[in-house]
Protein backbone atom coordinates (compact mmCIF):
# COMPACT_ATOMS: atom_id res chain seq x y z
CA MET A 1 19.56 9.03 18.98
CA GLU A 2 16.48 11.18 19.61
CA ASP A 3 15.19 10.46 16.10
CA SER A 4 14.72 6.77 16.91
CA HIS A 5 12.77 7.76 20.03
CA GLU A 6 10.42 9.94 17.94
CA ASP A 7 10.01 7.26 15.27
CA ASP A 8 8.32 4.79 17.62
CA ARG A 9 5.84 7.31 19.04
CA THR A 10 3.70 10.10 17.57
CA ARG A 11 1.08 12.40 19.09
CA LEU A 12 -2.46 11.16 18.42
CA ASP A 13 -3.70 14.47 16.96
CA LYS A 14 -0.68 14.69 14.62
CA TRP A 15 -1.21 11.13 13.44
CA LEU A 16 -4.94 11.69 12.75
CA TRP A 17 -4.01 14.73 10.68
CA ALA A 18 -1.17 12.91 8.88
CA ALA A 19 -3.44 9.91 8.14
CA ARG A 20 -5.95 12.35 6.61
CA PHE A 21 -8.89 11.64 8.92
CA TYR A 22 -9.09 15.40 9.63
CA LYS A 23 -8.12 18.39 7.47
CA THR A 24 -6.34 20.28 10.25
CA ARG A 25 -4.63 19.42 13.51
CA ALA A 26 -7.06 21.73 15.28
CA LEU A 27 -10.00 19.63 14.02
CA ALA A 28 -8.19 16.45 15.07
CA THR A 29 -7.55 17.88 18.54
CA GLU A 30 -11.17 18.96 18.86
CA ALA A 31 -12.39 15.49 17.87
CA VAL A 32 -10.15 13.77 20.43
CA THR A 33 -11.14 16.11 23.28
CA GLY A 34 -14.79 15.80 22.24
CA GLY A 35 -14.72 12.01 22.66
CA LYS A 36 -14.96 11.18 18.94
CA VAL A 37 -11.68 9.23 19.00
CA HIS A 38 -10.99 6.31 21.33
CA LEU A 39 -7.61 4.65 21.72
CA ASN A 40 -7.76 0.94 22.57
CA GLY A 41 -11.39 1.33 23.68
CA ALA A 42 -10.89 4.30 26.04
CA ARG A 43 -11.14 8.08 25.73
CA THR A 44 -7.80 9.78 25.47
CA LYS A 45 -6.07 13.13 25.10
CA PRO A 46 -4.66 14.69 21.90
CA ALA A 47 -1.04 14.54 23.11
CA ARG A 48 -1.20 10.81 23.90
CA ALA A 49 1.66 8.89 22.31
CA LEU A 50 0.47 6.54 19.60
CA ARG A 51 2.29 3.28 18.84
CA VAL A 52 2.17 0.77 16.02
CA GLY A 53 -0.50 -1.85 16.76
CA ASP A 54 -2.84 0.49 18.69
CA GLU A 55 -6.54 0.30 17.83
CA LEU A 56 -8.39 3.54 17.15
CA THR A 57 -12.14 4.04 16.94
CA ILE A 58 -12.83 7.23 14.98
CA THR A 59 -16.41 8.51 14.85
CA GLN A 60 -17.20 10.80 11.93
CA PRO A 61 -21.00 10.84 11.80
CA PRO A 62 -22.69 8.90 10.36
CA TYR A 63 -19.68 6.58 9.99
CA GLU A 64 -17.41 4.92 12.53
CA HIS A 65 -13.95 3.69 11.54
CA VAL A 66 -12.07 1.07 13.57
CA VAL A 67 -8.45 1.06 12.45
CA ILE A 68 -5.21 -0.58 13.51
CA VAL A 69 -2.15 1.70 13.42
CA LYS A 70 0.38 0.22 10.94
CA GLY A 71 2.79 3.14 10.67
CA LEU A 72 3.62 6.46 12.31
CA SER A 73 4.11 9.82 10.69
CA ALA A 74 4.16 13.36 12.03
CA ARG A 75 3.95 14.92 8.55
CA ARG A 76 1.01 15.00 6.18
CA GLY A 77 1.82 13.41 2.86
CA PRO A 78 -0.15 12.35 -0.21
CA ALA A 79 -3.28 10.23 0.26
CA PRO A 80 -1.70 6.94 -0.95
CA GLU A 81 1.09 7.42 1.60
CA ALA A 82 -1.42 8.25 4.36
CA ALA A 83 -3.41 5.08 3.59
CA LEU A 84 -0.34 3.01 4.52
CA LEU A 85 -0.42 4.36 8.09
CA TYR A 86 -3.46 2.29 9.08
CA GLU A 87 -5.56 -0.74 8.24
CA GLU A 88 -9.32 -0.69 8.76
CA THR A 89 -10.78 -3.82 10.33
CA GLU A 90 -12.99 -5.95 8.10
CA GLU A 91 -15.95 -5.65 10.51
CA SER A 92 -15.69 -1.85 10.46
CA ARG A 93 -15.56 -1.80 6.67
CA GLN A 94 -18.64 -4.02 6.41
CA ARG A 95 -20.60 -1.84 8.86
CA ARG A 96 -19.73 1.30 6.89
CA GLU A 97 -20.72 -0.32 3.58
CA ALA A 98 -24.04 -1.51 5.03
CA LEU A 99 -24.78 1.97 6.38
CA ARG A 100 -23.82 3.57 3.06
CA GLU A 101 -26.19 1.21 1.22
CA GLN A 102 -28.98 1.85 3.73
CA MET A 103 -28.58 5.61 3.32
CA ARG A 104 -28.55 5.26 -0.48
CA LEU A 105 -31.85 3.38 -0.41
CA GLN A 106 -33.63 5.94 1.78
CA PRO A 107 -35.85 8.36 -0.11
CA ALA A 108 -34.52 11.90 -0.48
CA PRO A 109 -36.11 14.34 1.95
CA ILE A 110 -38.77 16.56 0.44
CA PRO A 111 -37.91 20.25 0.86
CA HIS A 112 -40.44 22.08 3.01
CA ARG A 113 -41.74 25.54 2.20
CA GLY A 114 -43.26 27.89 4.72
CA PRO A 115 -43.63 27.47 8.47
CA MET A 116 -43.96 23.99 9.96
CA THR A 117 -47.34 22.67 10.91
CA LYS A 118 -47.93 21.35 14.41
CA LYS A 119 -47.90 17.79 13.07
CA GLN A 120 -44.55 18.32 11.31
CA ARG A 121 -43.02 19.90 14.42
CA ARG A 122 -44.10 16.92 16.55
CA GLU A 123 -42.66 14.53 13.97
CA VAL A 124 -39.30 16.33 14.05
CA ILE A 125 -39.24 16.18 17.86
CA ARG A 126 -40.10 12.47 17.78
CA LEU A 127 -37.29 11.77 15.29
CA LYS A 128 -34.75 13.75 17.34
CA ARG A 129 -35.60 11.74 20.45
CA GLY A 130 -34.91 8.52 18.57
CA GLY A 131 -38.48 7.32 18.04
CA PHE A 132 -39.43 5.87 14.68
């Protein structure tokens, strides 16, 4: 009787690991506690019970995946099996493809030799602050 209870709920960190979003459960737990994973639009804890139909937003820079939970599993199986556990929303897929294309079209960074000049240092600071 307890098996049926476990079948309809799985820990979030275990599911993320089983669905192959993270290589280890420790990385999945760290991502959830660090706010990189949102369940139904809100921050959550790693031990939160996940149910079929829940919406997860998983941020793995530079990409963001929005997926709907289609199946539950507490064990990590082969990739084709893991892909059946979720379905990515069409909007999420389009955003990721657009970002991938944008990154592909950007010129490769030129490696820098020697210490930075004052101009280069200011440019790096400006880029880090979000200015273009």
